[in-house]
Amino acid sequence: MRFARVLYVLGLFAIVMSLTCTAQQRRVAVTFDDLPGTNAATMNADEVLALNTKLVSTLKAENIPIIGFVNEVQLYFPGQVDERIHALDLWSEAGFDLGNHTYSHVSLNHVSLEDWEINVLRGETVTRMLVEQHHRKLMYFRYPYLDMGEDLATRRKAETFLAEHGYRIAPVTLDAWDWYFAQVYADARSRKDTAEEQRVVQSWLAHSAAMFDYYEKKAHTLFGHEPAEVLLAHDTWLEAEHFSDLAALLRKRGYQFVSLDQALEDQAYASPDSYVSDVGLTSIDHWAIERGMPDPPDAKPQIDKWVQDRYNAIAAVKKLP
């Protein structure tokens, strides 16, 4: 009986250690889109600087690798160019990497390949200068809307173009639509409605946890393990003031923060991917479709209805997508 009890305890210990090791093996690279601000077009230079100062400070406090993807159109406002470039340079000064997100956040699905290529090259002028001033390389590109072309021939030509210009494509595997919550948060913040701000934050964190769980399980089904993840976030006041909460959530789920370079060393990113559609999706979604394992339309966790209602009301006024 005593020996059996010892074996039982050892068995429980082995299970706990196995779960702990699995959790510790989780890795995630954190990426931000739409620098120097998702809503920078509606902000003045002081507001853009304040946003990026706060966000960069928040990210530095977490002591993790970060890469931010730039839309340079948001820099060229009369009388504000220097200040906006300074706001962008805060990222490089903090030791973070920068990447190209096209000049004007243009979708490859909605313009010609030639126009898109021009937009890509136009989007690297200031970014390349800042990166090289800090002795780094401009090497990553992120598709706006995750749109990669409406047909496979266009997608492959775009990939060849990017490779010829020294770019590696930055994928996404974790996407909780923070930009959607950020619009509702920004509206509450503008009205100084702190109660609604906190309500948005809690809804966003709960939705993020549900989406992470969804993608973790989906990746495990595809590969038998969880590959290194790539998180999509955006340059917003929601992230500037609450990314630390999201980082805590990720740590609680057992994630270690790694660079995008390190994440893409995972062999999962060499998986076949011929996805094309007018709906931008994560790489995990691509791989599932490639393997004939698409999800039904309602499989993903849904955003709280009250958030949807608030977003739609704001979108109707501000003409948001």
Protein backbone atom coordinates (compact mmCIF):
# COMPACT_ATOMS: atom_id res chain seq x y z
CA MET A 1 0.00 0.00 0.00
CA ARG A 2 2.82 2.37 0.92
CA PHE A 3 4.66 1.61 -2.32
CA ALA A 4 1.48 2.16 -4.33
CA ARG A 5 0.96 5.53 -2.65
CA VAL A 6 4.52 6.55 -3.52
CA LEU A 7 3.93 5.60 -7.13
CA TYR A 8 0.68 7.58 -7.13
CA VAL A 9 2.41 10.68 -5.77
CA LEU A 10 5.25 10.33 -8.26
CA GLY A 11 2.71 9.98 -11.04
CA LEU A 12 0.96 13.18 -10.01
CA PHE A 13 4.32 14.93 -9.80
CA ALA A 14 5.20 13.77 -13.30
CA ILE A 15 1.89 15.10 -14.66
CA VAL A 16 2.39 18.47 -12.97
CA MET A 17 5.95 18.73 -14.23
CA SER A 18 4.81 17.79 -17.72
CA LEU A 19 2.16 20.50 -17.72
CA THR A 20 4.65 22.99 -16.31
CA CYS A 21 7.21 22.19 -18.99
CA THR A 22 4.57 22.47 -21.68
CA ALA A 23 3.55 25.88 -20.39
CA GLN A 24 7.15 27.04 -20.17
CA GLN A 25 7.69 26.01 -23.77
CA ARG A 26 5.12 28.52 -24.97
CA ARG A 27 6.77 31.40 -26.78
CA VAL A 28 5.37 34.56 -28.31
CA ALA A 29 6.75 37.45 -30.34
CA VAL A 30 4.97 40.76 -29.83
CA THR A 31 4.36 42.94 -32.89
CA PHE A 32 2.62 46.30 -33.22
CA ASP A 33 0.98 47.66 -36.36
CA ASP A 34 0.09 51.17 -37.55
CA LEU A 35 2.93 53.23 -36.09
CA PRO A 36 2.96 56.11 -35.20
CA GLY A 37 -0.69 55.57 -34.25
CA THR A 38 -3.74 53.73 -35.53
CA ASN A 39 -5.71 56.98 -35.20
CA ALA A 40 -2.77 59.30 -35.92
CA ALA A 41 -4.64 60.93 -38.81
CA THR A 42 -7.12 62.44 -36.34
CA MET A 43 -4.47 63.49 -33.80
CA ASN A 44 -2.15 66.48 -33.67
CA ALA A 45 1.61 66.11 -33.27
CA ASP A 46 1.52 66.58 -29.49
CA GLU A 47 -1.09 63.85 -29.15
CA VAL A 48 0.90 61.48 -31.37
CA LEU A 49 4.01 62.14 -29.30
CA ALA A 50 2.12 61.61 -26.03
CA LEU A 51 0.65 58.33 -27.26
CA ASN A 52 3.97 56.90 -28.40
CA THR A 53 5.83 58.16 -25.34
CA LYS A 54 3.38 56.32 -23.11
CA LEU A 55 3.29 53.15 -25.21
CA VAL A 56 7.07 52.91 -25.55
CA SER A 57 7.46 53.50 -21.82
CA THR A 58 4.93 50.75 -21.08
CA LEU A 59 6.70 48.33 -23.41
CA LYS A 60 10.16 49.14 -22.04
CA ALA A 61 8.93 48.38 -18.54
CA GLU A 62 8.03 44.86 -19.70
CA ASN A 63 11.61 44.29 -20.92
CA ILE A 64 10.60 42.22 -23.94
CA PRO A 65 11.50 42.26 -27.66
CA ILE A 66 9.17 44.36 -29.80
CA ILE A 67 8.83 45.18 -33.48
CA GLY A 68 6.54 47.94 -34.78
CA PHE A 69 5.24 48.23 -38.35
CA VAL A 70 5.01 51.71 -39.82
CA ASN A 71 2.58 53.53 -42.13
CA GLU A 72 4.65 56.53 -43.17
CA VAL A 73 1.65 58.44 -44.51
CA GLN A 74 0.96 59.32 -40.87
CA LEU A 75 4.23 61.27 -40.71
CA TYR A 76 3.58 63.80 -43.46
CA PHE A 77 1.31 66.39 -41.87
CA PRO A 78 2.13 70.05 -42.65
CA GLY A 79 4.06 71.65 -39.82
CA GLN A 80 4.18 68.37 -37.86
CA VAL A 81 6.63 66.17 -39.75
CA ASP A 82 9.60 66.53 -37.40
CA GLU A 83 7.50 65.91 -34.29
CA ARG A 84 5.85 62.85 -35.79
CA ILE A 85 9.18 61.41 -36.91
CA HIS A 86 10.47 62.01 -33.39
CA ALA A 87 7.50 60.04 -32.02
CA LEU A 88 8.39 57.17 -34.34
CA ASP A 89 12.06 57.35 -33.43
CA LEU A 90 11.17 56.76 -29.78
CA TRP A 91 10.71 53.11 -30.74
CA SER A 92 14.20 52.82 -32.19
CA GLU A 93 15.73 54.73 -29.28
CA ALA A 94 14.11 52.21 -26.92
CA GLY A 95 15.85 49.37 -28.75
CA PHE A 96 12.79 48.13 -30.62
CA ASP A 97 12.80 47.08 -34.26
CA LEU A 98 10.75 48.71 -37.02
CA GLY A 99 9.18 47.17 -40.10
CA ASN A 100 7.28 48.25 -43.22
CA HIS A 101 3.46 48.19 -43.24
CA THR A 102 3.17 50.03 -46.60
CA TYR A 103 3.01 53.79 -46.94
CA SER A 104 -0.76 54.19 -46.60
CA HIS A 105 -2.00 50.86 -45.20
CA VAL A 106 -3.15 49.75 -48.63
CA SER A 107 -4.62 46.29 -49.24
CA LEU A 108 -3.09 44.15 -51.98
CA ASN A 109 -6.62 42.83 -52.58
CA HIS A 110 -7.91 46.27 -53.55
CA VAL A 111 -5.19 47.80 -55.74
CA SER A 112 -3.07 46.58 -58.62
CA LEU A 113 0.16 44.76 -57.84
CA GLU A 114 2.14 47.61 -59.42
CA ASP A 115 0.46 50.27 -57.26
CA TRP A 116 0.95 48.11 -54.17
CA GLU A 117 4.66 47.69 -54.91
CA ILE A 118 5.05 51.46 -55.23
CA ASN A 119 3.27 51.87 -51.91
CA VAL A 120 5.62 49.38 -50.26
CA LEU A 121 8.73 51.21 -51.49
CA ARG A 122 7.31 54.60 -50.57
CA GLY A 123 6.67 53.25 -47.07
CA GLU A 124 10.29 52.61 -46.23
CA THR A 125 11.88 56.05 -46.69
CA VAL A 126 11.91 57.38 -43.13
CA THR A 127 11.72 53.98 -41.48
CA ARG A 128 14.89 52.76 -43.18
CA MET A 129 16.70 55.97 -42.21
CA LEU A 130 15.75 55.59 -38.54
CA VAL A 131 16.59 51.89 -38.45
CA GLU A 132 20.01 52.41 -40.00
CA GLN A 133 20.77 55.34 -37.71
CA HIS A 134 20.43 52.88 -34.85
CA HIS A 135 22.65 50.32 -36.62
CA ARG A 136 19.87 47.88 -37.41
CA LYS A 137 18.36 46.50 -40.61
CA LEU A 138 14.93 47.01 -42.10
CA MET A 139 13.96 43.43 -42.87
CA TYR A 140 10.31 42.72 -42.03
CA PHE A 141 7.08 43.51 -43.85
CA ARG A 142 3.50 43.08 -42.60
CA TYR A 143 0.55 42.98 -45.02
CA PRO A 144 -2.17 45.52 -44.13
CA TYR A 145 -5.39 43.73 -43.18
CA LEU A 146 -3.34 40.52 -43.64
CA ASP A 147 -4.48 40.69 -47.29
CA MET A 148 -2.05 38.83 -49.55
CA GLY A 149 -3.80 39.12 -52.91
CA GLU A 150 -7.03 37.83 -54.40
CA ASP A 151 -5.33 35.07 -56.41
CA LEU A 152 -2.31 32.86 -55.90
CA ALA A 153 -0.35 34.29 -58.84
CA THR A 154 -0.58 37.80 -57.35
CA ARG A 155 0.39 36.52 -53.93
CA ARG A 156 3.48 34.73 -55.26
CA LYS A 157 4.56 37.78 -57.31
CA ALA A 158 4.21 39.98 -54.22
CA GLU A 159 6.29 37.52 -52.19
CA THR A 160 8.99 37.55 -54.85
CA PHE A 161 8.98 41.35 -54.91
CA LEU A 162 9.36 41.53 -51.13
CA ALA A 163 12.19 39.00 -51.13
CA GLU A 164 14.01 40.88 -53.90
CA HIS A 165 13.86 44.03 -51.73
CA GLY A 166 15.23 42.28 -48.67
CA TYR A 167 11.97 41.77 -46.79
CA ARG A 168 10.77 38.81 -44.80
CA ILE A 169 7.01 38.57 -44.24
CA ALA A 170 5.82 38.96 -40.65
CA PRO A 171 2.97 36.52 -40.03
CA VAL A 172 0.31 36.62 -37.30
CA THR A 173 -0.95 33.69 -35.25
CA LEU A 174 -2.61 35.43 -32.28
CA ASP A 175 -5.13 38.15 -33.11
CA ALA A 176 -7.72 39.30 -30.58
CA TRP A 177 -8.85 42.39 -32.53
CA ASP A 178 -7.42 44.86 -30.02
CA TRP A 179 -7.91 47.66 -32.58
CA TYR A 180 -11.68 47.08 -32.39
CA PHE A 181 -11.77 47.42 -28.60
CA ALA A 182 -9.34 50.35 -28.86
CA GLN A 183 -11.88 52.46 -30.75
CA VAL A 184 -14.45 52.01 -27.98
CA TYR A 185 -11.78 52.65 -25.35
CA ALA A 186 -10.63 55.84 -27.08
CA ASP A 187 -14.19 57.12 -27.21
CA ALA A 188 -14.69 56.49 -23.48
CA ARG A 189 -11.31 58.08 -22.77
CA SER A 190 -12.24 61.20 -24.73
CA ARG A 191 -15.36 61.52 -22.56
CA LYS A 192 -13.38 60.79 -19.37
CA ASP A 193 -15.72 57.89 -18.71
CA THR A 194 -13.33 55.82 -16.58
CA ALA A 195 -16.00 53.26 -15.72
CA GLU A 196 -16.53 52.44 -19.38
CA GLU A 197 -12.77 52.43 -19.98
CA GLN A 198 -12.38 49.70 -17.38
CA ARG A 199 -15.35 47.82 -18.76
CA VAL A 200 -13.72 47.83 -22.21
CA VAL A 201 -10.40 46.67 -20.76
CA GLN A 202 -12.00 43.74 -18.96
CA SER A 203 -13.96 42.72 -22.05
CA TRP A 204 -10.82 42.96 -24.19
CA LEU A 205 -8.74 40.86 -21.79
CA ALA A 206 -11.45 38.22 -21.54
CA HIS A 207 -11.78 38.11 -25.33
CA SER A 208 -7.99 37.92 -25.69
CA ALA A 209 -7.84 34.95 -23.31
CA ALA A 210 -10.59 33.19 -25.27
CA MET A 211 -8.87 33.86 -28.60
CA PHE A 212 -5.49 32.68 -27.28
CA ASP A 213 -7.12 29.48 -26.06
CA TYR A 214 -8.81 29.03 -29.44
CA TYR A 215 -5.58 29.46 -31.44
CA GLU A 216 -3.46 27.41 -29.04
CA LYS A 217 -5.81 24.45 -29.36
CA LYS A 218 -6.10 24.87 -33.12
CA ALA A 219 -2.31 24.94 -33.52
CA HIS A 220 -1.95 21.85 -31.33
CA THR A 221 -4.49 20.02 -33.49
CA LEU A 222 -2.52 20.90 -36.61
CA PHE A 223 1.01 20.22 -35.38
CA GLY A 224 0.71 18.11 -32.26
CA HIS A 225 2.33 20.93 -30.30
CA GLU A 226 2.07 24.69 -29.99
CA PRO A 227 4.52 26.48 -32.27
CA ALA A 228 5.97 29.85 -31.32
CA GLU A 229 3.23 32.44 -31.67
CA VAL A 230 3.23 35.93 -33.20
CA LEU A 231 0.88 38.39 -31.49
CA LEU A 232 -0.73 41.25 -33.41
CA ALA A 233 -1.26 44.47 -31.43
CA HIS A 234 -1.79 48.09 -32.47
CA ASP A 235 -0.43 51.52 -31.61
CA THR A 236 -3.40 52.75 -29.53
CA TRP A 237 -4.19 54.23 -26.13
CA LEU A 238 -5.70 50.90 -25.08
CA GLU A 239 -2.33 49.20 -25.50
CA ALA A 240 -0.39 52.21 -24.19
CA GLU A 241 -2.28 52.17 -20.92
CA HIS A 242 -3.02 48.45 -20.57
CA PHE A 243 -0.46 46.36 -22.44
CA SER A 244 0.99 45.44 -19.04
CA ASP A 245 -2.34 43.70 -18.30
CA LEU A 246 -2.11 41.78 -21.56
CA ALA A 247 1.51 40.85 -20.84
CA ALA A 248 0.47 39.55 -17.43
CA LEU A 249 -2.23 37.44 -19.09
CA LEU A 250 0.32 35.95 -21.50
CA ARG A 251 2.77 35.21 -18.69
CA LYS A 252 -0.01 33.53 -16.72
CA ARG A 253 -0.60 31.29 -19.74
CA GLY A 254 3.07 30.27 -19.62
CA TYR A 255 4.45 32.38 -22.45
CA GLN A 256 8.04 33.47 -22.75
CA PHE A 257 8.60 36.58 -24.87
CA VAL A 258 10.95 36.17 -27.82
CA SER A 259 11.95 38.21 -30.84
CA LEU A 260 10.23 37.79 -34.18
CA ASP A 261 13.47 36.29 -35.51
CA GLN A 262 13.37 33.62 -32.80
CA ALA A 263 9.68 32.87 -33.27
CA LEU A 264 10.09 32.32 -37.01
CA GLU A 265 12.78 29.70 -36.42
CA ASP A 266 9.89 27.36 -35.57
CA GLN A 267 9.43 24.82 -38.36
CA ALA A 268 5.68 25.49 -38.42
CA TYR A 269 6.39 28.64 -40.43
CA ALA A 270 7.77 26.52 -43.26
CA SER A 271 4.38 24.82 -43.65
CA PRO A 272 2.73 25.01 -47.09
CA ASP A 273 0.45 28.04 -47.42
CA SER A 274 -1.45 28.89 -50.58
CA TYR A 275 -4.33 30.75 -48.93
CA VAL A 276 -5.96 33.54 -50.95
CA SER A 277 -9.16 35.36 -50.11
CA ASP A 278 -10.64 38.79 -49.53
CA VAL A 279 -10.66 37.92 -45.81
CA GLY A 280 -7.33 38.39 -44.06
CA LEU A 281 -6.67 35.58 -41.57
CA THR A 282 -3.88 34.36 -39.31
CA SER A 283 -1.29 31.85 -40.45
CA ILE A 284 -2.90 29.22 -38.22
CA ASP A 285 -6.13 29.73 -40.14
CA HIS A 286 -4.18 29.47 -43.41
CA TRP A 287 -2.55 26.19 -42.39
CA ALA A 288 -5.87 24.71 -41.30
CA ILE A 289 -7.48 25.57 -44.64
CA GLU A 290 -4.42 24.22 -46.48
CA ARG A 291 -4.92 20.90 -44.68
CA GLY A 292 -8.64 20.81 -45.40
CA MET A 293 -9.56 21.62 -41.80
CA PRO A 294 -11.39 24.98 -41.96
CA ASP A 295 -13.53 26.04 -39.03
CA PRO A 296 -17.24 26.84 -39.30
CA PRO A 297 -17.90 30.60 -39.42
CA ASP A 298 -19.01 30.82 -35.77
CA ALA A 299 -16.14 28.78 -34.29
CA LYS A 300 -14.13 31.74 -33.03
CA PRO A 301 -15.04 33.48 -29.76
CA GLN A 302 -17.35 36.42 -30.29
CA ILE A 303 -16.81 39.97 -29.07
CA ASP A 304 -19.27 41.06 -26.35
CA LYS A 305 -22.41 42.45 -27.94
CA TRP A 306 -22.30 45.69 -25.97
CA VAL A 307 -18.80 46.35 -27.38
CA GLN A 308 -20.06 45.64 -30.89
CA ASP A 309 -22.96 48.02 -30.37
CA ARG A 310 -20.68 50.77 -29.09
CA TYR A 311 -18.22 50.23 -31.94
CA ASN A 312 -20.97 50.37 -34.56
CA ALA A 313 -22.34 53.61 -33.10
CA ILE A 314 -18.87 55.18 -33.16
CA ALA A 315 -18.18 53.83 -36.66
CA ALA A 316 -21.38 55.37 -38.00
CA VAL A 317 -20.21 58.81 -36.84
CA LYS A 318 -16.51 58.53 -37.64
CA LYS A 319 -16.92 56.35 -40.76
CA LEU A 320 -14.71 53.58 -39.40
CA PRO A 321 -14.37 50.26 -41.30
